[in-house]
Amino acid sequence: MGHRLGFPTANVQPDPGQQLPENGVYIAELKLHGEQQWRRCVVNQGMQPTLPSGRATIEAFILDFHRDIYGERLTLRFLALLRHEHRFDSIELLIEQLGRDEQDARAYQK
């Protein structure tokens, strides 16, 4: 779904027993297994209230990244909570917010 909205995401499966922060939208960093580079991303963790799938998910939109990483192992490091999950009244409003989330992630300073 993220790709159709203009924000393609990596679907992350946490290791069993992995402790996770509360549901919400986060600025995070992602590192692919075997690489040294941390890549900035926007992560949605939760139930996707605007486009519900019926289960909790973790999805990472990696900034300035255009490679297929399906099935690859990665490490995700949460940096800051951007906002709590929110149900938007339309897909257009969700897309506008995703654009603001991306801008906030780009501007974030550790």
PDB file of N, CA and C in Angstrom:
ATOM      1  N   MET A   1       0.826  -1.201   0.000  1.00  0.00           N
ATOM      2  CA  MET A   1       0.000   0.000   0.000  1.00  0.00           C
ATOM      3  C   MET A   1       0.867   1.261   0.000  1.00  0.00           C
ATOM      4  N   GLY A   2       1.953   1.244   0.775  1.00  0.00           N
ATOM      5  CA  GLY A   2       2.819   2.415   0.846  1.00  0.00           C
ATOM      6  C   GLY A   2       3.326   2.843  -0.514  1.00  0.00           C
ATOM      7  N   HIS A   3       3.656   1.870  -1.363  1.00  0.00           N
ATOM      8  CA  HIS A   3       4.161   2.193  -2.699  1.00  0.00           C
ATOM      9  C   HIS A   3       3.098   2.934  -3.516  1.00  0.00           C
ATOM     10  N   ARG A   4       1.849   2.489  -3.423  1.00  0.00           N
ATOM     11  CA  ARG A   4       0.758   3.149  -4.176  1.00  0.00           C
ATOM     12  C   ARG A   4       0.509   4.559  -3.671  1.00  0.00           C
ATOM     13  N   LEU A   5       0.838   4.836  -2.408  1.00  0.00           N
ATOM     14  CA  LEU A   5       0.647   6.177  -1.851  1.00  0.00           C
ATOM     15  C   LEU A   5       1.842   7.086  -2.123  1.00  0.00           C
ATOM     16  N   GLY A   6       2.908   6.547  -2.715  1.00  0.00           N
ATOM     17  CA  GLY A   6       4.103   7.328  -2.974  1.00  0.00           C
ATOM     18  C   GLY A   6       5.147   7.233  -1.875  1.00  0.00           C
ATOM     19  N   PHE A   7       4.937   6.323  -0.934  1.00  0.00           N
ATOM     20  CA  PHE A   7       5.851   6.129   0.197  1.00  0.00           C
ATOM     21  C   PHE A   7       6.098   4.630   0.376  1.00  0.00           C
ATOM     22  N   PRO A   8       6.924   4.032  -0.505  1.00  0.00           N
ATOM     23  CA  PRO A   8       7.150   2.583  -0.403  1.00  0.00           C
ATOM     24  C   PRO A   8       7.815   2.221   0.924  1.00  0.00           C
ATOM     25  N   THR A   9       7.374   1.134   1.504  1.00  0.00           N
ATOM     26  CA  THR A   9       7.872   0.763   2.829  1.00  0.00           C
ATOM     27  C   THR A   9       8.453  -0.645   2.842  1.00  0.00           C
ATOM     28  N   ALA A  10       9.383  -0.837   3.753  1.00  0.00           N
ATOM     29  CA  ALA A  10       9.882  -2.167   4.085  1.00  0.00           C
ATOM     30  C   ALA A  10       9.032  -2.665   5.242  1.00  0.00           C
ATOM     31  N   ASN A  11       8.448  -3.830   5.096  1.00  0.00           N
ATOM     32  CA  ASN A  11       7.661  -4.431   6.167  1.00  0.00           C
ATOM     33  C   ASN A  11       8.612  -5.182   7.085  1.00  0.00           C
ATOM     34  N   VAL A  12       8.659  -4.776   8.343  1.00  0.00           N
ATOM     35  CA  VAL A  12       9.632  -5.288   9.298  1.00  0.00           C
ATOM     36  C   VAL A  12       8.977  -6.318  10.208  1.00  0.00           C
ATOM     37  N   GLN A  13       9.627  -7.467  10.342  1.00  0.00           N
ATOM     38  CA  GLN A  13       9.176  -8.502  11.264  1.00  0.00           C
ATOM     39  C   GLN A  13      10.155  -8.523  12.437  1.00  0.00           C
ATOM     40  N   PRO A  14       9.731  -8.080  13.624  1.00  0.00           N
ATOM     41  CA  PRO A  14      10.663  -8.092  14.767  1.00  0.00           C
ATOM     42  C   PRO A  14      10.970  -9.510  15.206  1.00  0.00           C
ATOM     43  N   ASP A  15      12.130  -9.659  15.814  1.00  0.00           N
ATOM     44  CA  ASP A  15      12.485 -10.956  16.388  1.00  0.00           C
ATOM     45  C   ASP A  15      11.489 -11.285  17.505  1.00  0.00           C
ATOM     46  N   PRO A  16      11.186 -12.567  17.712  1.00  0.00           N
ATOM     47  CA  PRO A  16      10.284 -12.942  18.806  1.00  0.00           C
ATOM     48  C   PRO A  16      10.802 -12.411  20.145  1.00  0.00           C
ATOM     49  N   GLY A  17       9.907 -11.848  20.916  1.00  0.00           N
ATOM     50  CA  GLY A  17      10.262 -11.316  22.225  1.00  0.00           C
ATOM     51  C   GLY A  17      10.896  -9.937  22.193  1.00  0.00           C
ATOM     52  N   GLN A  18      11.062  -9.373  21.008  1.00  0.00           N
ATOM     53  CA  GLN A  18      11.666  -8.043  20.879  1.00  0.00           C
ATOM     54  C   GLN A  18      10.784  -7.000  21.550  1.00  0.00           C
ATOM     55  N   GLN A  19      11.361  -6.177  22.392  1.00  0.00           N
ATOM     56  CA  GLN A  19      10.614  -5.098  23.031  1.00  0.00           C
ATOM     57  C   GLN A  19      10.484  -3.934  22.058  1.00  0.00           C
ATOM     58  N   LEU A  20       9.267  -3.415  21.917  1.00  0.00           N
ATOM     59  CA  LEU A  20       8.988  -2.341  20.967  1.00  0.00           C
ATOM     60  C   LEU A  20       8.384  -1.148  21.692  1.00  0.00           C
ATOM     61  N   PRO A  21       8.576   0.051  21.154  1.00  0.00           N
ATOM     62  CA  PRO A  21       7.923   1.215  21.755  1.00  0.00           C
ATOM     63  C   PRO A  21       6.422   1.187  21.465  1.00  0.00           C
ATOM     64  N   GLU A  22       5.700   2.145  22.045  1.00  0.00           N
ATOM     65  CA  GLU A  22       4.250   2.223  21.829  1.00  0.00           C
ATOM     66  C   GLU A  22       3.940   2.472  20.355  1.00  0.00           C
ATOM     67  N   ASN A  23       2.714   2.152  19.948  1.00  0.00           N
ATOM     68  CA  ASN A  23       2.292   2.397  18.571  1.00  0.00           C
ATOM     69  C   ASN A  23       2.391   3.874  18.242  1.00  0.00           C
ATOM     70  N   GLY A  24       2.799   4.164  17.019  1.00  0.00           N
ATOM     71  CA  GLY A  24       2.904   5.539  16.566  1.00  0.00           C
ATOM     72  C   GLY A  24       3.778   5.641  15.334  1.00  0.00           C
ATOM     73  N   VAL A  25       4.079   6.874  14.958  1.00  0.00           N
ATOM     74  CA  VAL A  25       4.939   7.168  13.814  1.00  0.00           C
ATOM     75  C   VAL A  25       6.240   7.744  14.358  1.00  0.00           C
ATOM     76  N   TYR A  26       7.348   7.172  13.928  1.00  0.00           N
ATOM     77  CA  TYR A  26       8.658   7.498  14.483  1.00  0.00           C
ATOM     78  C   TYR A  26       9.647   7.932  13.410  1.00  0.00           C
ATOM     79  N   ILE A  27      10.590   8.762  13.824  1.00  0.00           N
ATOM     80  CA  ILE A  27      11.813   8.951  13.071  1.00  0.00           C
ATOM     81  C   ILE A  27      12.732   7.840  13.555  1.00  0.00           C
ATOM     82  N   ALA A  28      13.359   7.150  12.615  1.00  0.00           N
ATOM     83  CA  ALA A  28      14.210   6.022  12.975  1.00  0.00           C
ATOM     84  C   ALA A  28      15.380   5.939  12.013  1.00  0.00           C
ATOM     85  N   GLU A  29      16.255   5.010  12.306  1.00  0.00           N
ATOM     86  CA  GLU A  29      17.352   4.673  11.410  1.00  0.00           C
ATOM     87  C   GLU A  29      17.318   3.174  11.182  1.00  0.00           C
ATOM     88  N   LEU A  30      17.715   2.781   9.984  1.00  0.00           N
ATOM     89  CA  LEU A  30      17.677   1.389   9.585  1.00  0.00           C
ATOM     90  C   LEU A  30      19.038   1.024   8.993  1.00  0.00           C
ATOM     91  N   LYS A  31      19.533  -0.140   9.364  1.00  0.00           N
ATOM     92  CA  LYS A  31      20.796  -0.630   8.810  1.00  0.00           C
ATOM     93  C   LYS A  31      20.557  -2.036   8.280  1.00  0.00           C
ATOM     94  N   LEU A  32      20.899  -2.265   7.028  1.00  0.00           N
ATOM     95  CA  LEU A  32      20.766  -3.577   6.424  1.00  0.00           C
ATOM     96  C   LEU A  32      21.893  -4.482   6.910  1.00  0.00           C
ATOM     97  N   HIS A  33      21.565  -5.751   7.118  1.00  0.00           N
ATOM     98  CA  HIS A  33      22.547  -6.730   7.585  1.00  0.00           C
ATOM     99  C   HIS A  33      23.736  -6.761   6.628  1.00  0.00           C
ATOM    100  N   GLY A  34      24.935  -6.662   7.194  1.00  0.00           N
ATOM    101  CA  GLY A  34      26.146  -6.697   6.391  1.00  0.00           C
ATOM    102  C   GLY A  34      26.620  -5.342   5.916  1.00  0.00           C
ATOM    103  N   GLU A  35      25.838  -4.294   6.160  1.00  0.00           N
ATOM    104  CA  GLU A  35      26.233  -2.937   5.781  1.00  0.00           C
ATOM    105  C   GLU A  35      26.543  -2.131   7.034  1.00  0.00           C
ATOM    106  N   GLN A  36      27.301  -1.063   6.881  1.00  0.00           N
ATOM    107  CA  GLN A  36      27.653  -0.196   7.999  1.00  0.00           C
ATOM    108  C   GLN A  36      26.788   1.062   8.050  1.00  0.00           C
ATOM    109  N   GLN A  37      26.198   1.427   6.941  1.00  0.00           N
ATOM    110  CA  GLN A  37      25.466   2.693   6.831  1.00  0.00           C
ATOM    111  C   GLN A  37      24.087   2.622   7.492  1.00  0.00           C
ATOM    112  N   TRP A  38      23.820   3.611   8.361  1.00  0.00           N
ATOM    113  CA  TRP A  38      22.486   3.787   8.921  1.00  0.00           C
ATOM    114  C   TRP A  38      21.725   4.720   7.991  1.00  0.00           C
ATOM    115  N   ARG A  39      20.490   4.360   7.654  1.00  0.00           N
ATOM    116  CA  ARG A  39      19.663   5.145   6.738  1.00  0.00           C
ATOM    117  C   ARG A  39      18.466   5.708   7.498  1.00  0.00           C
ATOM    118  N   ARG A  40      18.205   6.993   7.341  1.00  0.00           N
ATOM    119  CA  ARG A  40      17.072   7.642   8.008  1.00  0.00           C
ATOM    120  C   ARG A  40      15.768   7.111   7.415  1.00  0.00           C
ATOM    121  N   CYS A  41      14.773   6.918   8.266  1.00  0.00           N
ATOM    122  CA  CYS A  41      13.480   6.439   7.810  1.00  0.00           C
ATOM    123  C   CYS A  41      12.357   6.960   8.711  1.00  0.00           C
ATOM    124  N   VAL A  42      11.151   6.843   8.198  1.00  0.00           N
ATOM    125  CA  VAL A  42       9.931   7.112   8.962  1.00  0.00           C
ATOM    126  C   VAL A  42       9.263   5.755   9.160  1.00  0.00           C
ATOM    127  N   VAL A  43       8.955   5.434  10.407  1.00  0.00           N
ATOM    128  CA  VAL A  43       8.403   4.120  10.733  1.00  0.00           C
ATOM    129  C   VAL A  43       7.004   4.283  11.311  1.00  0.00           C
ATOM    130  N   ASN A  44       6.070   3.526  10.770  1.00  0.00           N
ATOM    131  CA  ASN A  44       4.752   3.422  11.382  1.00  0.00           C
ATOM    132  C   ASN A  44       4.684   2.070  12.072  1.00  0.00           C
ATOM    133  N   GLN A  45       4.401   2.109  13.351  1.00  0.00           N
ATOM    134  CA  GLN A  45       4.209   0.884  14.117  1.00  0.00           C
ATOM    135  C   GLN A  45       2.800   0.918  14.676  1.00  0.00           C
ATOM    136  N   GLY A  46       1.984  -0.052  14.295  1.00  0.00           N
ATOM    137  CA  GLY A  46       0.644  -0.078  14.851  1.00  0.00           C
ATOM    138  C   GLY A  46      -0.375  -0.699  13.929  1.00  0.00           C
ATOM    139  N   MET A  47      -1.606  -0.247  14.082  1.00  0.00           N
ATOM    140  CA  MET A  47      -2.756  -0.877  13.444  1.00  0.00           C
ATOM    141  C   MET A  47      -3.216  -0.200  12.152  1.00  0.00           C
ATOM    142  N   GLN A  48      -2.537   0.815  11.693  1.00  0.00           N
ATOM    143  CA  GLN A  48      -2.897   1.519  10.448  1.00  0.00           C
ATOM    144  C   GLN A  48      -4.389   1.896  10.441  1.00  0.00           C
ATOM    145  N   PRO A  49      -4.802   2.806  11.285  1.00  0.00           N
ATOM    146  CA  PRO A  49      -6.230   3.067  11.429  1.00  0.00           C
ATOM    147  C   PRO A  49      -6.931   3.607  10.179  1.00  0.00           C
ATOM    148  N   THR A  50      -6.233   4.258   9.267  1.00  0.00           N
ATOM    149  CA  THR A  50      -6.879   4.773   8.057  1.00  0.00           C
ATOM    150  C   THR A  50      -7.086   3.667   7.038  1.00  0.00           C
ATOM    151  N   LEU A  51      -6.136   2.757   6.941  1.00  0.00           N
ATOM    152  CA  LEU A  51      -6.194   1.631   6.004  1.00  0.00           C
ATOM    153  C   LEU A  51      -5.952   0.330   6.774  1.00  0.00           C
ATOM    154  N   PRO A  52      -6.876  -0.037   7.648  1.00  0.00           N
ATOM    155  CA  PRO A  52      -6.618  -1.156   8.560  1.00  0.00           C
ATOM    156  C   PRO A  52      -6.441  -2.488   7.837  1.00  0.00           C
ATOM    157  N   SER A  53      -5.439  -3.239   8.301  1.00  0.00           N
ATOM    158  CA  SER A  53      -5.196  -4.579   7.764  1.00  0.00           C
ATOM    159  C   SER A  53      -5.691  -5.643   8.740  1.00  0.00           C
ATOM    160  N   GLY A  54      -6.077  -5.212   9.937  1.00  0.00           N
ATOM    161  CA  GLY A  54      -6.564  -6.154  10.929  1.00  0.00           C
ATOM    162  C   GLY A  54      -5.471  -6.700  11.840  1.00  0.00           C
ATOM    163  N   ARG A  55      -4.230  -6.236  11.635  1.00  0.00           N
ATOM    164  CA  ARG A  55      -3.139  -6.701  12.485  1.00  0.00           C
ATOM    165  C   ARG A  55      -2.119  -5.576  12.635  1.00  0.00           C
ATOM    166  N   ALA A  56      -1.343  -5.664  13.675  1.00  0.00           N
ATOM    167  CA  ALA A  56      -0.288  -4.678  13.897  1.00  0.00           C
ATOM    168  C   ALA A  56       0.854  -4.921  12.909  1.00  0.00           C
ATOM    169  N   THR A  57       1.423  -3.830  12.420  1.00  0.00           N
ATOM    170  CA  THR A  57       2.539  -3.923  11.490  1.00  0.00           C
ATOM    171  C   THR A  57       3.625  -2.918  11.877  1.00  0.00           C
ATOM    172  N   ILE A  58       4.803  -3.148  11.341  1.00  0.00           N
ATOM    173  CA  ILE A  58       5.894  -2.185  11.431  1.00  0.00           C
ATOM    174  C   ILE A  58       6.356  -1.956   9.997  1.00  0.00           C
ATOM    175  N   GLU A  59       6.231  -0.708   9.526  1.00  0.00           N
ATOM    176  CA  GLU A  59       6.580  -0.367   8.152  1.00  0.00           C
ATOM    177  C   GLU A  59       7.562   0.793   8.164  1.00  0.00           C
ATOM    178  N   ALA A  60       8.647   0.660   7.409  1.00  0.00           N
ATOM    179  CA  ALA A  60       9.688   1.687   7.366  1.00  0.00           C
ATOM    180  C   ALA A  60       9.788   2.270   5.962  1.00  0.00           C
ATOM    181  N   PHE A  61       9.581   3.587   5.855  1.00  0.00           N
ATOM    182  CA  PHE A  61       9.812   4.315   4.607  1.00  0.00           C
ATOM    183  C   PHE A  61      11.224   4.881   4.691  1.00  0.00           C
ATOM    184  N   ILE A  62      12.139   4.330   3.899  1.00  0.00           N
ATOM    185  CA  ILE A  62      13.551   4.708   3.951  1.00  0.00           C
ATOM    186  C   ILE A  62      13.769   5.886   3.005  1.00  0.00           C
ATOM    187  N   LEU A  63      14.274   6.990   3.538  1.00  0.00           N
ATOM    188  CA  LEU A  63      14.472   8.191   2.733  1.00  0.00           C
ATOM    189  C   LEU A  63      15.563   7.968   1.685  1.00  0.00           C
ATOM    190  N   ASP A  64      15.296   8.437   0.480  1.00  0.00           N
ATOM    191  CA  ASP A  64      16.279   8.411  -0.614  1.00  0.00           C
ATOM    192  C   ASP A  64      16.836   7.011  -0.866  1.00  0.00           C
ATOM    193  N   PHE A  65      15.968   6.033  -0.860  1.00  0.00           N
ATOM    194  CA  PHE A  65      16.375   4.642  -1.027  1.00  0.00           C
ATOM    195  C   PHE A  65      15.426   3.978  -2.009  1.00  0.00           C
ATOM    196  N   HIS A  66      15.978   3.312  -3.024  1.00  0.00           N
ATOM    197  CA  HIS A  66      15.134   2.743  -4.082  1.00  0.00           C
ATOM    198  C   HIS A  66      15.589   1.339  -4.471  1.00  0.00           C
ATOM    199  N   ARG A  67      15.810   0.502  -3.481  1.00  0.00           N
ATOM    200  CA  ARG A  67      16.272  -0.851  -3.743  1.00  0.00           C
ATOM    201  C   ARG A  67      15.293  -1.853  -3.155  1.00  0.00           C
ATOM    202  N   ASP A  68      15.125  -2.976  -3.800  1.00  0.00           N
ATOM    203  CA  ASP A  68      14.273  -4.044  -3.283  1.00  0.00           C
ATOM    204  C   ASP A  68      15.055  -4.788  -2.199  1.00  0.00           C
ATOM    205  N   ILE A  69      14.552  -4.757  -0.988  1.00  0.00           N
ATOM    206  CA  ILE A  69      15.233  -5.428   0.121  1.00  0.00           C
ATOM    207  C   ILE A  69      14.353  -6.525   0.728  1.00  0.00           C
ATOM    208  N   TYR A  70      13.395  -6.987  -0.042  1.00  0.00           N
ATOM    209  CA  TYR A  70      12.491  -8.020   0.437  1.00  0.00           C
ATOM    210  C   TYR A  70      13.288  -9.231   0.927  1.00  0.00           C
ATOM    211  N   GLY A  71      13.005  -9.663   2.149  1.00  0.00           N
ATOM    212  CA  GLY A  71      13.636 -10.835   2.725  1.00  0.00           C
ATOM    213  C   GLY A  71      14.977 -10.574   3.396  1.00  0.00           C
ATOM    214  N   GLU A  72      15.501  -9.353   3.300  1.00  0.00           N
ATOM    215  CA  GLU A  72      16.783  -9.055   3.936  1.00  0.00           C
ATOM    216  C   GLU A  72      16.606  -8.776   5.422  1.00  0.00           C
ATOM    217  N   ARG A  73      17.625  -9.111   6.205  1.00  0.00           N
ATOM    218  CA  ARG A  73      17.624  -8.803   7.639  1.00  0.00           C
ATOM    219  C   ARG A  73      18.074  -7.368   7.821  1.00  0.00           C
ATOM    220  N   LEU A  74      17.530  -6.733   8.853  1.00  0.00           N
ATOM    221  CA  LEU A  74      17.896  -5.354   9.128  1.00  0.00           C
ATOM    222  C   LEU A  74      17.783  -5.070  10.613  1.00  0.00           C
ATOM    223  N   THR A  75      18.393  -3.969  11.000  1.00  0.00           N
ATOM    224  CA  THR A  75      18.292  -3.470  12.367  1.00  0.00           C
ATOM    225  C   THR A  75      17.606  -2.125  12.311  1.00  0.00           C
ATOM    226  N   LEU A  76      16.653  -1.922  13.195  1.00  0.00           N
ATOM    227  CA  LEU A  76      15.893  -0.680  13.247  1.00  0.00           C
ATOM    228  C   LEU A  76      16.158  -0.012  14.585  1.00  0.00           C
ATOM    229  N   ARG A  77      16.487   1.274  14.537  1.00  0.00           N
ATOM    230  CA  ARG A  77      16.779   2.042  15.752  1.00  0.00           C
ATOM    231  C   ARG A  77      15.814   3.232  15.793  1.00  0.00           C
ATOM    232  N   PHE A  78      14.910   3.233  16.779  1.00  0.00           N
ATOM    233  CA  PHE A  78      13.939   4.319  16.935  1.00  0.00           C
ATOM    234  C   PHE A  78      14.630   5.534  17.548  1.00  0.00           C
ATOM    235  N   LEU A  79      14.416   6.729  16.957  1.00  0.00           N
ATOM    236  CA  LEU A  79      15.052   7.951  17.441  1.00  0.00           C
ATOM    237  C   LEU A  79      14.081   8.872  18.170  1.00  0.00           C
ATOM    238  N   ALA A  80      12.896   9.083  17.588  1.00  0.00           N
ATOM    239  CA  ALA A  80      11.954  10.038  18.185  1.00  0.00           C
ATOM    240  C   ALA A  80      10.540   9.732  17.728  1.00  0.00           C
ATOM    241  N   LEU A  81       9.595   9.917  18.627  1.00  0.00           N
ATOM    242  CA  LEU A  81       8.179   9.790  18.282  1.00  0.00           C
ATOM    243  C   LEU A  81       7.744  11.053  17.550  1.00  0.00           C
ATOM    244  N   LEU A  82       7.229  10.901  16.342  1.00  0.00           N
ATOM    245  CA  LEU A  82       6.680  12.036  15.595  1.00  0.00           C
ATOM    246  C   LEU A  82       5.244  12.328  16.014  1.00  0.00           C
ATOM    247  N   ARG A  83       4.445  11.265  16.094  1.00  0.00           N
ATOM    248  CA  ARG A  83       3.029  11.442  16.424  1.00  0.00           C
ATOM    249  C   ARG A  83       2.434  10.079  16.768  1.00  0.00           C
ATOM    250  N   HIS A  84       1.322  10.124  17.451  1.00  0.00           N
ATOM    251  CA  HIS A  84       0.575   8.905  17.723  1.00  0.00           C
ATOM    252  C   HIS A  84      -0.246   8.549  16.488  1.00  0.00           C
ATOM    253  N   GLU A  85      -0.665   7.304  16.411  1.00  0.00           N
ATOM    254  CA  GLU A  85      -1.499   6.891  15.290  1.00  0.00           C
ATOM    255  C   GLU A  85      -2.785   7.699  15.280  1.00  0.00           C
ATOM    256  N   HIS A  86      -3.258   7.969  14.080  1.00  0.00           N
ATOM    257  CA  HIS A  86      -4.452   8.791  13.912  1.00  0.00           C
ATOM    258  C   HIS A  86      -5.191   8.298  12.676  1.00  0.00           C
ATOM    259  N   ARG A  87      -6.501   8.222  12.771  1.00  0.00           N
ATOM    260  CA  ARG A  87      -7.306   7.854  11.606  1.00  0.00           C
ATOM    261  C   ARG A  87      -7.616   9.119  10.824  1.00  0.00           C
ATOM    262  N   PHE A  88      -7.239   9.139   9.545  1.00  0.00           N
ATOM    263  CA  PHE A  88      -7.502  10.281   8.678  1.00  0.00           C
ATOM    264  C   PHE A  88      -8.812  10.059   7.929  1.00  0.00           C
ATOM    265  N   ASP A  89      -9.499  11.154   7.622  1.00  0.00           N
ATOM    266  CA  ASP A  89     -10.795  11.066   6.964  1.00  0.00           C
ATOM    267  C   ASP A  89     -10.705  10.729   5.482  1.00  0.00           C
ATOM    268  N   SER A  90      -9.503  10.832   4.906  1.00  0.00           N
ATOM    269  CA  SER A  90      -9.329  10.499   3.491  1.00  0.00           C
ATOM    270  C   SER A  90      -7.888  10.083   3.237  1.00  0.00           C
ATOM    271  N   ILE A  91      -7.698   9.382   2.133  1.00  0.00           N
ATOM    272  CA  ILE A  91      -6.350   8.992   1.712  1.00  0.00           C
ATOM    273  C   ILE A  91      -5.525  10.239   1.418  1.00  0.00           C
ATOM    274  N   GLU A  92      -6.151  11.264   0.849  1.00  0.00           N
ATOM    275  CA  GLU A  92      -5.439  12.507   0.519  1.00  0.00           C
ATOM    276  C   GLU A  92      -4.874  13.166   1.775  1.00  0.00           C
ATOM    277  N   LEU A  93      -5.639  13.191   2.850  1.00  0.00           N
ATOM    278  CA  LEU A  93      -5.149  13.766   4.107  1.00  0.00           C
ATOM    279  C   LEU A  93      -4.013  12.932   4.685  1.00  0.00           C
ATOM    280  N   LEU A  94      -4.102  11.610   4.549  1.00  0.00           N
ATOM    281  CA  LEU A  94      -3.021  10.739   4.995  1.00  0.00           C
ATOM    282  C   LEU A  94      -1.746  11.022   4.212  1.00  0.00           C
ATOM    283  N   ILE A  95      -1.852  11.143   2.888  1.00  0.00           N
ATOM    284  CA  ILE A  95      -0.686  11.411   2.047  1.00  0.00           C
ATOM    285  C   ILE A  95      -0.054  12.750   2.416  1.00  0.00           C
ATOM    286  N   GLU A  96      -0.865  13.762   2.674  1.00  0.00           N
ATOM    287  CA  GLU A  96      -0.330  15.068   3.103  1.00  0.00           C
ATOM    288  C   GLU A  96       0.459  14.915   4.403  1.00  0.00           C
ATOM    289  N   GLN A  97      -0.075  14.159   5.349  1.00  0.00           N
ATOM    290  CA  GLN A  97       0.608  13.963   6.626  1.00  0.00           C
ATOM    291  C   GLN A  97       1.900  13.173   6.443  1.00  0.00           C
ATOM    292  N   LEU A  98       1.875  12.174   5.577  1.00  0.00           N
ATOM    293  CA  LEU A  98       3.086  11.403   5.312  1.00  0.00           C
ATOM    294  C   LEU A  98       4.188  12.302   4.750  1.00  0.00           C
ATOM    295  N   GLY A  99       3.804  13.266   3.909  1.00  0.00           N
ATOM    296  CA  GLY A  99       4.774  14.228   3.394  1.00  0.00           C
ATOM    297  C   GLY A  99       5.367  15.079   4.509  1.00  0.00           C
ATOM    298  N   ARG A 100       4.540  15.495   5.459  1.00  0.00           N
ATOM    299  CA  ARG A 100       5.044  16.262   6.614  1.00  0.00           C
ATOM    300  C   ARG A 100       5.942  15.393   7.491  1.00  0.00           C
ATOM    301  N   ASP A 101       5.565  14.127   7.659  1.00  0.00           N
ATOM    302  CA  ASP A 101       6.399  13.211   8.439  1.00  0.00           C
ATOM    303  C   ASP A 101       7.780  13.072   7.791  1.00  0.00           C
ATOM    304  N   GLU A 102       7.800  12.956   6.468  1.00  0.00           N
ATOM    305  CA  GLU A 102       9.073  12.847   5.751  1.00  0.00           C
ATOM    306  C   GLU A 102       9.917  14.106   5.959  1.00  0.00           C
ATOM    307  N   GLN A 103       9.305  15.283   5.848  1.00  0.00           N
ATOM    308  CA  GLN A 103      10.037  16.537   6.063  1.00  0.00           C
ATOM    309  C   GLN A 103      10.601  16.602   7.489  1.00  0.00           C
ATOM    310  N   ASP A 104       9.799  16.201   8.462  1.00  0.00           N
ATOM    311  CA  ASP A 104      10.267  16.191   9.856  1.00  0.00           C
ATOM    312  C   ASP A 104      11.439  15.241  10.041  1.00  0.00           C
ATOM    313  N   ALA A 105      11.391  14.085   9.396  1.00  0.00           N
ATOM    314  CA  ALA A 105      12.488  13.122   9.516  1.00  0.00           C
ATOM    315  C   ALA A 105      13.766  13.685   8.881  1.00  0.00           C
ATOM    316  N   ARG A 106      13.632  14.371   7.770  1.00  0.00           N
ATOM    317  CA  ARG A 106      14.805  14.953   7.115  1.00  0.00           C
ATOM    318  C   ARG A 106      15.425  16.058   7.986  1.00  0.00           C
ATOM    319  N   ALA A 107      14.596  16.804   8.678  1.00  0.00           N
ATOM    320  CA  ALA A 107      15.076  17.940   9.476  1.00  0.00           C
ATOM    321  C   ALA A 107      15.573  17.529  10.849  1.00  0.00           C
ATOM    322  N   TYR A 108      15.280  16.327  11.283  1.00  0.00           N
ATOM    323  CA  TYR A 108      15.617  15.889  12.646  1.00  0.00           C
ATOM    324  C   TYR A 108      17.115  15.859  12.857  1.00  0.00           C
ATOM    325  N   GLN A 109      17.540  16.432  13.954  1.00  0.00           N
ATOM    326  CA  GLN A 109      18.953  16.410  14.375  1.00  0.00           C
ATOM    327  C   GLN A 109      19.063  15.593  15.655  1.00  0.00           C
ATOM    328  N   LYS A 110      19.966  14.638  15.680  1.00  0.00           N
ATOM    329  CA  LYS A 110      20.166  13.799  16.876  1.00  0.00           C
ATOM    330  C   LYS A 110      20.700  14.627  18.003  1.00  0.00           C
TER     331      LYS A 110
END
